[in-house]
Protein backbone atom coordinates (compact mmCIF):
# COMPACT_ATOMS: atom_id res chain seq x y z
CA MET A 1 -1.49 39.27 27.96
CA SER A 2 -1.10 37.67 24.55
CA ASN A 3 0.79 34.76 26.09
CA GLN A 4 -2.08 34.11 28.50
CA LYS A 5 -4.56 33.98 25.61
CA SER A 6 -2.46 31.44 23.75
CA VAL A 7 -2.21 29.32 26.91
CA ASN A 8 -6.00 29.44 27.19
CA VAL A 9 -6.42 28.40 23.56
CA PHE A 10 -4.10 25.43 23.98
CA GLY A 11 -5.83 24.57 27.24
CA ASN A 12 -9.20 24.58 25.48
CA ILE A 13 -7.86 22.36 22.70
CA ASN A 14 -6.36 19.99 25.26
CA ALA A 15 -9.65 19.84 27.18
CA TYR A 16 -11.57 19.09 23.99
CA LEU A 17 -9.17 16.32 23.00
CA ARG A 18 -9.42 14.78 26.45
CA GLN A 19 -13.21 14.70 26.18
CA ASN A 20 -13.14 13.25 22.66
CA PRO A 21 -10.52 10.53 22.27
CA LEU A 22 -11.62 9.88 18.68
CA ALA A 23 -10.64 13.42 17.73
CA LYS A 24 -7.31 12.98 19.49
CA TYR A 25 -6.55 9.75 17.63
CA ALA A 26 -7.73 11.22 14.32
CA VAL A 27 -5.37 14.19 14.71
CA GLY A 28 -2.54 11.80 15.59
CA PHE A 29 -3.33 9.70 12.52
CA MET A 30 -3.29 12.75 10.25
CA ILE A 31 0.05 13.88 11.68
CA ALA A 32 1.55 10.39 11.30
CA LEU A 33 0.27 10.11 7.73
CA ALA A 34 1.59 13.56 6.80
CA ALA A 35 5.00 12.85 8.35
CA TYR A 36 5.17 9.49 6.56
CA ALA A 37 4.30 11.03 3.19
CA ALA A 38 6.72 13.91 3.73
CA GLY A 39 9.52 11.50 4.61
CA LEU A 40 8.86 9.42 1.52
CA MET A 41 8.86 12.51 -0.70
CA LEU A 42 12.02 13.87 0.94
CA ILE A 43 13.95 10.64 0.47
CA GLY A 44 12.55 10.16 -3.03
CA SER A 45 13.61 13.63 -4.13
CA ALA A 46 16.98 13.69 -2.35
CA MET A 47 18.22 10.32 -3.56
CA ASN A 48 17.97 8.56 -6.86
CA ALA A 49 18.25 5.07 -5.35
CA ARG A 50 15.22 3.01 -4.46
CA TRP A 51 16.70 1.12 -1.52
CA PRO A 52 16.54 4.01 1.01
CA LEU A 53 12.98 4.74 -0.07
CA VAL A 54 11.91 1.13 0.42
CA ALA A 55 13.74 0.92 3.76
CA PHE A 56 12.02 4.08 5.01
CA ALA A 57 8.62 2.88 3.82
CA ILE A 58 8.97 -0.49 5.53
CA PHE A 59 10.52 0.87 8.73
CA PHE A 60 7.95 3.61 9.40
CA LEU A 61 4.80 1.91 8.10
CA PRO A 62 4.00 0.34 11.50
CA ALA A 63 3.72 3.82 13.04
CA VAL A 64 1.08 4.79 10.50
CA LEU A 65 -0.73 1.50 10.93
CA ARG A 66 -0.74 1.93 14.71
CA ALA A 67 -2.25 5.40 14.39
CA TRP A 68 -4.91 4.01 12.06
CA MET A 69 -5.69 1.15 14.46
CA LEU A 70 -6.13 3.59 17.36
CA VAL A 71 -8.77 5.44 15.32
CA TYR A 72 -10.42 2.15 14.31
CA TRP A 73 -10.55 0.83 17.88
CA GLU A 74 -12.02 4.07 19.18
CA VAL A 75 -14.76 4.02 16.52
CA LYS A 76 -15.47 0.37 17.26
CA ALA A 77 -15.64 0.99 21.02
CA GLY A 78 -17.95 3.95 20.46
CA LEU A 79 -20.30 1.89 18.31
CA LEU A 80 -20.31 -0.92 20.85
CA ARG A 81 -21.13 1.54 23.63
CA GLU A 82 -23.91 3.06 21.56
CA TYR A 83 -25.52 -0.27 20.70
CA THR A 84 -25.21 -1.77 24.18
CA ASP A 85 -26.68 1.39 25.75
CA ALA A 86 -29.57 1.34 23.26
CA GLU A 87 -30.36 -2.34 23.80
CA ASN A 88 -30.05 -2.36 27.60
CA PRO A 89 -31.55 0.84 28.97
CA LEU A 90 -31.24 0.77 32.74
């Protein structure tokens, strides 16, 4: 019975994220940012050299920027929808 409740909880979360793409992209951005920061801290604490840290930062930065751009584009699309619906009521 407990397994069924957890499936329902994840199903509810999935349904909410499908209805609200901004929330989905925001969660993805937070996960990408946390993973990026954790990777930088892990490499920085494990090694004393700067080259691996710089290589990691440069290599994985596009993933964080992509997650940020998905959030930005969703906000921009939402604002455009809001303003076009307000100006052209049909």
